[in-house]
Amino acid sequence: MKFGGCPRFVTGRGWPPPVMLACMTIRDWPADERPREKLLEKGAAALSDAELLAILLRTGTPGRSAVELARDLLKSFRSFRKLLAADRRRFCAEPGLGPARFAELQAAVEISRRQLAESLQSGPPLSSPRATCDFLSAKLRDLEHEVFCCLYLDKRHRLIQFEELFRGTIDGASVHPREIVKLALQRNSAAVIIAHNHPSGVAEPSQSDELITQRVKEALALVDIRLLDHIIVGDGVSVSLAERGLL
């Protein structure tokens, strides 16, 4: 017999075969195959990328379950990262997507970023250049434009505030050390980490980057605030000028 365009099988031992899962809605799947129930029973780490994405999508499209839709999206965008970094126009061009789902996924990404920021604020002092790289990568690596930002730290090098200061092509003329000093004093900062991204994906510091670093360091030193590092974020890699001995 046929049901919904798929062969109908009689319930019995070993039913349904795995190939049949694609022919049913997720509600018809065995409980241990449903993403939400699987997560509750085994934990989020037990789920595949498509299953995790399906939970956020919640529903599929006519003829496709949420898991099938998730698999198609990951195939189309080639990775979680590229899917979540896609702009609204590109995202909504995919069948089964739209502004509501774009907003939901972007909200999930921002929650993750803010949770990471909270862990920096309540966590151990940022005494190592590596301690900030995950946070900065999550914030900056997928941007199509260059962004210059500051992390203001207290006397124990714990994060007081992250702030984006300048946008566009970052060079000596566009970064104003006096602005960095003014905001650092307002926040009663004892130390500062500066950072920016390279949209090209290449994180190697340029001569301009080294010049900016020295200008900011000298300006902060005038008010007895330390510049701990300048971190450049590329595609999957970050470079610390402190580790390079360029501070």
Protein backbone atom coordinates (compact mmCIF):
# COMPACT_ATOMS: atom_id res chain seq x y z
CA MET A 1 0.00 0.00 0.00
CA LYS A 2 1.00 3.64 -0.39
CA PHE A 3 0.76 6.37 2.21
CA GLY A 4 1.90 9.92 1.53
CA GLY A 5 3.80 8.77 -1.55
CA CYS A 6 5.78 6.13 0.41
CA PRO A 7 5.25 2.39 0.83
CA ARG A 8 3.33 1.58 4.01
CA PHE A 9 4.93 -1.09 6.18
CA VAL A 10 3.18 -3.11 8.85
CA THR A 11 4.49 -2.43 12.33
CA GLY A 12 6.57 -5.31 13.59
CA ARG A 13 9.94 -6.35 14.79
CA GLY A 14 12.69 -4.29 13.22
CA TRP A 15 10.26 -1.70 11.84
CA PRO A 16 10.89 0.73 10.28
CA PRO A 17 13.96 0.11 8.14
CA PRO A 18 16.38 3.12 8.21
CA VAL A 19 15.63 3.89 4.57
CA MET A 20 12.00 4.50 5.55
CA LEU A 21 12.84 7.29 8.00
CA ALA A 22 13.14 9.75 5.13
CA CYS A 23 9.56 8.92 4.06
CA MET A 24 7.97 9.91 7.36
CA THR A 25 7.65 13.02 9.46
CA ILE A 26 9.91 13.19 12.51
CA ARG A 27 6.89 12.55 14.74
CA ASP A 28 6.56 9.11 13.14
CA TRP A 29 10.19 8.17 13.84
CA PRO A 30 11.17 5.93 16.77
CA ALA A 31 11.80 8.05 19.87
CA ASP A 32 15.55 7.33 19.91
CA GLU A 33 15.85 8.64 16.33
CA ARG A 34 14.11 11.99 16.94
CA PRO A 35 16.69 14.77 17.42
CA ARG A 36 15.02 16.43 20.40
CA GLU A 37 14.41 13.19 22.27
CA LYS A 38 17.89 11.95 21.39
CA LEU A 39 19.41 15.14 22.81
CA LEU A 40 17.43 14.81 26.05
CA GLU A 41 18.45 11.18 26.48
CA LYS A 42 22.08 11.23 25.29
CA GLY A 43 23.14 14.88 25.39
CA ALA A 44 23.80 17.41 22.62
CA ALA A 45 27.23 15.94 21.79
CA ALA A 46 25.56 12.75 20.55
CA LEU A 47 23.75 14.57 17.73
CA SER A 48 25.04 15.12 14.22
CA ASP A 49 25.32 18.62 12.75
CA ALA A 50 22.10 18.07 10.81
CA GLU A 51 20.23 16.88 13.91
CA LEU A 52 21.33 19.92 15.93
CA LEU A 53 20.30 22.26 13.14
CA ALA A 54 16.96 20.43 12.79
CA ILE A 55 16.13 21.21 16.41
CA LEU A 56 16.61 24.93 15.70
CA LEU A 57 14.62 24.74 12.45
CA ARG A 58 11.83 22.80 14.24
CA THR A 59 9.91 21.96 11.05
CA GLY A 60 10.74 20.92 7.53
CA THR A 61 9.04 21.69 4.24
CA PRO A 62 6.47 19.71 2.25
CA GLY A 63 8.16 16.41 1.42
CA ARG A 64 11.20 17.08 3.65
CA SER A 65 11.57 16.58 7.37
CA ALA A 66 13.49 19.10 9.46
CA VAL A 67 16.50 16.76 9.42
CA GLU A 68 16.39 16.44 5.64
CA LEU A 69 16.12 20.22 5.31
CA ALA A 70 19.08 20.61 7.66
CA ARG A 71 21.17 18.15 5.64
CA ASP A 72 20.35 19.98 2.41
CA LEU A 73 21.31 23.33 3.95
CA LEU A 74 24.64 22.06 5.26
CA LYS A 75 25.36 20.61 1.84
CA SER A 76 24.41 23.85 0.08
CA PHE A 77 26.40 26.13 2.40
CA ARG A 78 29.15 23.52 2.93
CA SER A 79 29.48 24.12 6.67
CA PHE A 80 27.71 25.32 9.80
CA ARG A 81 29.94 28.36 9.86
CA LYS A 82 29.09 29.49 6.32
CA LEU A 83 25.39 28.92 6.93
CA LEU A 84 25.37 31.02 10.08
CA ALA A 85 27.59 33.71 8.54
CA ALA A 86 25.44 34.08 5.42
CA ASP A 87 23.73 37.42 4.97
CA ARG A 88 19.95 37.65 5.03
CA ARG A 89 19.53 37.75 1.25
CA ARG A 90 21.64 34.64 0.66
CA PHE A 91 20.05 32.78 3.56
CA CYS A 92 16.47 33.51 2.54
CA ALA A 93 17.17 32.50 -1.07
CA GLU A 94 17.30 28.84 0.04
CA PRO A 95 14.05 26.86 -0.31
CA GLY A 96 12.43 26.41 3.09
CA LEU A 97 14.08 29.42 4.68
CA GLY A 98 12.92 32.94 5.30
CA PRO A 99 13.29 36.00 7.56
CA ALA A 100 11.84 34.24 10.62
CA ARG A 101 14.34 31.39 10.48
CA PHE A 102 17.16 33.80 9.72
CA ALA A 103 16.26 35.74 12.87
CA GLU A 104 16.03 32.58 14.98
CA LEU A 105 19.44 31.26 13.93
CA GLN A 106 21.09 34.66 14.34
CA ALA A 107 19.61 34.88 17.82
CA ALA A 108 21.12 31.47 18.66
CA VAL A 109 24.53 32.61 17.40
CA GLU A 110 24.37 35.82 19.44
CA ILE A 111 23.38 33.89 22.58
CA SER A 112 26.50 31.77 22.11
CA ARG A 113 28.67 34.86 21.70
CA ARG A 114 27.24 36.51 24.79
CA GLN A 115 27.67 33.35 26.85
CA LEU A 116 31.32 33.30 25.83
CA ALA A 117 31.66 36.97 26.74
CA GLU A 118 30.15 36.27 30.16
CA SER A 119 32.60 33.43 30.72
CA LEU A 120 35.45 35.86 29.99
CA GLN A 121 34.05 38.38 32.47
CA SER A 122 33.50 35.88 35.27
CA GLY A 123 36.35 33.56 34.42
CA PRO A 124 40.07 33.63 35.14
CA PRO A 125 42.26 36.64 34.27
CA LEU A 126 43.23 36.99 30.61
CA SER A 127 46.91 36.44 31.30
CA SER A 128 47.51 34.45 28.09
CA PRO A 129 47.03 35.71 24.52
CA ARG A 130 45.27 32.44 23.73
CA ALA A 131 42.60 33.09 26.37
CA THR A 132 40.79 35.66 24.20
CA CYS A 133 41.17 34.16 20.72
CA ASP A 134 38.01 31.98 20.71
CA PHE A 135 35.90 34.94 21.72
CA LEU A 136 37.46 37.29 19.18
CA SER A 137 37.18 34.69 16.40
CA ALA A 138 33.49 34.20 17.13
CA LYS A 139 32.99 37.97 17.00
CA LEU A 140 35.14 38.96 14.03
CA ARG A 141 36.26 36.19 11.70
CA ASP A 142 33.19 36.07 9.42
CA LEU A 143 32.75 39.81 8.95
CA GLU A 144 33.12 41.11 5.40
CA HIS A 145 34.45 44.46 6.62
CA GLU A 146 37.35 45.29 8.88
CA VAL A 147 36.55 46.06 12.52
CA PHE A 148 38.86 47.42 15.21
CA CYS A 149 37.84 46.67 18.79
CA CYS A 150 39.10 46.86 22.38
CA LEU A 151 38.85 44.65 25.42
CA TYR A 152 39.06 46.76 28.58
CA LEU A 153 40.49 44.88 31.57
CA ASP A 154 40.68 45.49 35.32
CA LYS A 155 43.77 45.21 37.54
CA ARG A 156 43.49 41.41 37.56
CA HIS A 157 43.13 41.38 33.78
CA ARG A 158 39.48 40.33 33.90
CA LEU A 159 37.22 41.65 31.15
CA ILE A 160 35.32 44.83 31.97
CA GLN A 161 33.89 45.44 28.50
CA PHE A 162 34.32 44.53 24.84
CA GLU A 163 33.74 47.43 22.46
CA GLU A 164 33.83 47.88 18.70
CA LEU A 165 35.46 51.24 17.94
CA PHE A 166 36.24 51.64 14.24
CA ARG A 167 34.96 50.12 11.00
CA GLY A 168 36.23 50.08 7.45
CA THR A 169 39.77 49.81 6.17
CA ILE A 170 41.94 49.94 9.27
CA ASP A 171 45.06 52.04 8.87
CA GLY A 172 47.00 54.62 10.82
CA ALA A 173 44.57 57.38 9.92
CA SER A 174 41.38 55.56 10.93
CA VAL A 175 42.43 54.42 14.43
CA HIS A 176 42.46 57.21 16.99
CA PRO A 177 44.52 56.36 20.09
CA ARG A 178 42.96 59.25 22.03
CA GLU A 179 39.53 57.57 21.72
CA ILE A 180 40.96 54.34 23.10
CA VAL A 181 42.59 56.21 26.00
CA LYS A 182 39.42 58.20 26.77
CA LEU A 183 37.24 55.08 26.92
CA ALA A 184 39.83 53.15 28.93
CA LEU A 185 39.84 55.93 31.56
CA GLN A 186 36.04 56.05 31.63
CA ARG A 187 35.96 52.32 32.37
CA ASN A 188 38.72 52.55 34.97
CA SER A 189 40.78 50.06 32.98
CA ALA A 190 44.20 48.93 34.11
CA ALA A 191 45.01 47.21 30.82
CA VAL A 192 43.73 46.94 27.27
CA ILE A 193 43.82 44.37 24.48
CA ILE A 194 43.17 45.67 20.97
CA ALA A 195 42.09 43.48 18.07
CA HIS A 196 40.92 43.62 14.49
CA ASN A 197 40.05 41.19 11.72
CA HIS A 198 41.43 40.67 8.23
CA PRO A 199 38.47 39.84 5.94
CA SER A 200 40.96 38.35 3.47
CA GLY A 201 41.44 35.52 5.97
CA VAL A 202 45.20 36.09 6.22
CA ALA A 203 46.06 37.02 9.80
CA GLU A 204 49.66 38.12 9.25
CA PRO A 205 50.29 41.61 10.67
CA SER A 206 51.15 44.38 8.23
CA GLN A 207 53.51 47.29 8.82
CA SER A 208 50.44 49.43 9.41
CA ASP A 209 49.27 46.99 12.10
CA GLU A 210 52.63 47.23 13.85
CA LEU A 211 52.55 51.03 13.64
CA ILE A 212 49.05 51.21 15.12
CA THR A 213 50.15 48.93 17.94
CA GLN A 214 53.03 51.20 18.91
CA ARG A 215 50.90 54.35 18.72
CA VAL A 216 48.21 52.88 20.96
CA LYS A 217 50.80 51.48 23.38
CA GLU A 218 52.51 54.85 23.73
CA ALA A 219 49.21 56.72 24.18
CA LEU A 220 48.03 54.34 26.91
CA ALA A 221 51.40 54.46 28.67
CA LEU A 222 50.93 58.21 29.19
CA VAL A 223 48.04 57.46 31.57
CA ASP A 224 49.67 54.37 33.10
CA ILE A 225 47.50 51.80 31.28
CA ARG A 226 49.18 48.74 29.76
CA LEU A 227 48.56 47.45 26.26
CA LEU A 228 48.72 43.69 26.73
CA ASP A 229 48.27 42.58 23.14
CA HIS A 230 47.07 43.28 19.62
CA ILE A 231 45.32 40.24 18.16
CA ILE A 232 44.59 39.88 14.46
CA VAL A 233 41.79 37.50 13.50
CA GLY A 234 41.89 35.67 10.18
CA ASP A 235 40.10 32.64 8.78
CA GLY A 236 40.44 29.98 11.45
CA VAL A 237 43.65 31.46 12.87
CA SER A 238 44.55 34.39 15.10
CA VAL A 239 47.92 36.08 15.47
CA SER A 240 49.09 37.67 18.73
CA LEU A 241 51.59 40.50 18.28
CA ALA A 242 52.64 39.96 21.92
CA GLU A 243 53.59 36.37 21.09
CA ARG A 244 55.50 37.66 18.07
CA GLY A 245 57.49 40.02 20.31
CA LEU A 246 56.06 43.10 18.57
CA LEU A 247 54.87 44.92 21.67
